[in-house]
Amino acid sequence: GLGNAPSTIPVIEALHARRDYPSELVREHVEWALQRHGVADAGG
């Protein structure tokens, strides 16, 4: 998954694009992945 992928701009952009995904499960995984990539605002 993208949480385990190298931290690149396209990966971070792909995750950001899914932050408002309809499924809560997907959103939780996106936030986890962003945290793994060290994105400071991952918590909200």
Protein backbone atom coordinates (compact mmCIF):
# COMPACT_ATOMS: atom_id res chain seq x y z
CA GLY A 1 0.00 0.00 0.00
CA LEU A 2 0.91 3.64 -0.15
CA GLY A 3 1.73 3.73 3.56
CA ASN A 4 4.66 1.42 2.95
CA ALA A 5 5.75 3.04 -0.33
CA PRO A 6 8.73 5.40 -0.50
CA SER A 7 7.88 8.96 0.53
CA THR A 8 7.56 10.72 -2.80
CA ILE A 9 5.47 13.69 -3.86
CA PRO A 10 3.15 11.55 -6.05
CA VAL A 11 2.48 9.16 -3.13
CA ILE A 12 1.72 12.01 -0.72
CA GLU A 13 -0.52 13.68 -3.32
CA ALA A 14 -2.39 10.42 -3.93
CA LEU A 15 -3.01 10.03 -0.21
CA HIS A 16 -4.15 13.64 0.18
CA ALA A 17 -6.59 13.13 -2.70
CA ARG A 18 -8.29 10.36 -0.70
CA ARG A 19 -8.58 12.11 2.66
CA ASP A 20 -12.29 12.80 2.06
CA TYR A 21 -13.10 9.35 0.65
CA PRO A 22 -16.66 8.23 1.49
CA SER A 23 -15.51 5.14 3.40
CA GLU A 24 -14.37 5.77 6.98
CA LEU A 25 -12.14 2.70 6.76
CA VAL A 26 -10.31 4.16 3.76
CA ARG A 27 -9.95 7.55 5.48
CA GLU A 28 -8.44 5.88 8.56
CA HIS A 29 -5.90 4.06 6.41
CA VAL A 30 -5.07 7.26 4.53
CA GLU A 31 -4.39 9.09 7.82
CA TRP A 32 -2.20 6.21 9.01
CA ALA A 33 -0.25 6.27 5.75
CA LEU A 34 0.23 10.04 5.92
CA GLN A 35 1.55 9.70 9.47
CA ARG A 36 3.99 7.02 8.28
CA HIS A 37 5.24 9.50 5.69
CA GLY A 38 5.73 12.17 8.36
CA VAL A 39 3.04 14.51 7.09
CA ALA A 40 2.62 16.99 9.96
CA ASP A 41 -1.09 17.67 9.47
CA ALA A 42 -2.06 14.00 9.17
CA GLY A 43 -4.27 14.18 12.24
CA GLY A 44 -6.78 16.46 10.64
